[in-house]
Amino acid sequence: MTTPIEPIKPIKQILPETNVQKRTGPDFKKILESAIEKVNSTTKNAEQAATNFATGKTSDIHSVIIAAEKADIMLQLTTEVRNKIVESYREIMRMQI
């Protein structure tokens, strides 16, 4: 006498929903938008500091140079992050399924 084959159980029965972790933190898009906004505001501050120095409203060249360098470094970092994201996307697209 043979035993009948048991039907396959649905995934929900194998992995109950209590084991599934839900995301509670901010998503990647919001983090990226926030970082880009910070870079933009830093760049605007550096431009304003340079304008103030050029018009004679301030005579502190050190703060102008520091603001400009800070904006430049943030922009370079943002560009490198963008390059890594694009590179990762292209690598994923090249993967064979």
Protein backbone atom coordinates (compact mmCIF):
# COMPACT_ATOMS: atom_id res chain seq x y z
CA MET A 1 0.00 0.00 0.00
CA THR A 2 1.40 3.43 -0.98
CA THR A 3 0.83 6.71 0.78
CA PRO A 4 -0.50 9.65 -1.22
CA ILE A 5 1.77 12.57 -1.99
CA GLU A 6 1.13 15.52 0.27
CA PRO A 7 0.34 18.83 -1.42
CA ILE A 8 2.94 21.58 -1.24
CA LYS A 9 2.31 23.98 1.62
CA PRO A 10 1.95 27.69 0.83
CA ILE A 11 4.86 29.93 1.81
CA LYS A 12 2.75 31.64 4.48
CA GLN A 13 2.44 28.36 6.34
CA ILE A 14 6.16 27.67 6.13
CA LEU A 15 7.28 31.21 7.00
CA PRO A 16 4.76 32.89 9.27
CA GLU A 17 4.42 36.66 8.97
CA THR A 18 5.72 37.18 12.49
CA ASN A 19 9.23 36.38 11.25
CA VAL A 20 9.09 39.03 8.55
CA GLN A 21 10.81 42.24 9.60
CA LYS A 22 9.24 45.46 8.42
CA ARG A 23 11.29 48.50 7.49
CA THR A 24 10.93 51.27 9.96
CA GLY A 25 13.81 53.55 8.98
CA PRO A 26 13.95 56.16 6.22
CA ASP A 27 14.22 54.88 2.69
CA PHE A 28 17.22 55.38 0.42
CA LYS A 29 15.52 58.01 -1.70
CA LYS A 30 14.88 60.29 1.29
CA ILE A 31 18.43 59.91 2.55
CA LEU A 32 19.83 60.73 -0.88
CA GLU A 33 17.54 63.75 -1.31
CA SER A 34 18.58 65.05 2.11
CA ALA A 35 22.27 64.69 1.29
CA ILE A 36 21.87 66.46 -2.05
CA GLU A 37 19.97 69.26 -0.35
CA LYS A 38 22.82 69.68 2.17
CA VAL A 39 25.35 69.89 -0.67
CA ASN A 40 23.20 72.47 -2.43
CA SER A 41 22.83 74.64 0.67
CA THR A 42 26.57 74.43 1.42
CA THR A 43 27.35 75.51 -2.14
CA LYS A 44 24.94 78.44 -1.86
CA ASN A 45 26.53 79.47 1.45
CA ALA A 46 29.99 79.39 -0.14
CA GLU A 47 28.78 81.50 -3.06
CA GLN A 48 27.21 83.99 -0.66
CA ALA A 49 30.42 84.19 1.38
CA ALA A 50 32.41 84.86 -1.80
CA THR A 51 29.93 87.55 -2.86
CA ASN A 52 30.10 89.17 0.58
CA PHE A 53 33.90 89.21 0.40
CA ALA A 54 33.89 90.64 -3.13
CA THR A 55 31.51 93.43 -2.17
CA GLY A 56 33.43 94.27 0.99
CA LYS A 57 30.74 93.14 3.45
CA THR A 58 33.29 90.87 5.11
CA SER A 59 37.06 90.89 5.24
CA ASP A 60 37.58 87.37 6.61
CA ILE A 61 39.15 85.55 3.65
CA HIS A 62 39.75 82.43 5.74
CA SER A 63 36.05 81.73 6.28
CA VAL A 64 35.41 82.29 2.56
CA ILE A 65 38.11 79.81 1.55
CA ILE A 66 36.94 77.27 4.14
CA ALA A 67 33.34 77.55 2.93
CA ALA A 68 34.44 77.12 -0.69
CA GLU A 69 36.60 74.08 0.11
CA LYS A 70 33.84 72.50 2.19
CA ALA A 71 31.40 72.91 -0.71
CA ASP A 72 33.97 71.50 -3.16
CA ILE A 73 34.67 68.44 -1.01
CA MET A 74 30.96 67.77 -0.50
CA LEU A 75 30.36 68.03 -4.24
CA GLN A 76 33.23 65.64 -4.99
CA LEU A 77 31.87 63.14 -2.47
CA THR A 78 28.38 63.39 -3.93
CA THR A 79 29.77 62.80 -7.42
CA GLU A 80 31.68 59.73 -6.27
CA VAL A 81 28.60 58.31 -4.52
CA ARG A 82 26.58 58.88 -7.70
CA ASN A 83 29.27 57.11 -9.74
CA LYS A 84 29.21 54.13 -7.37
CA ILE A 85 25.42 53.92 -7.53
CA VAL A 86 25.45 53.99 -11.34
CA GLU A 87 28.26 51.42 -11.42
CA SER A 88 26.32 49.14 -9.07
CA TYR A 89 23.16 49.49 -11.15
CA ARG A 90 25.05 48.58 -14.33
CA GLU A 91 26.61 45.58 -12.58
CA ILE A 92 23.19 44.35 -11.49
CA MET A 93 21.83 44.81 -15.02
CA ARG A 94 24.71 42.69 -16.41
CA MET A 95 23.89 39.79 -14.08
CA GLN A 96 22.33 36.80 -15.71
CA ILE A 97 19.29 35.27 -14.10
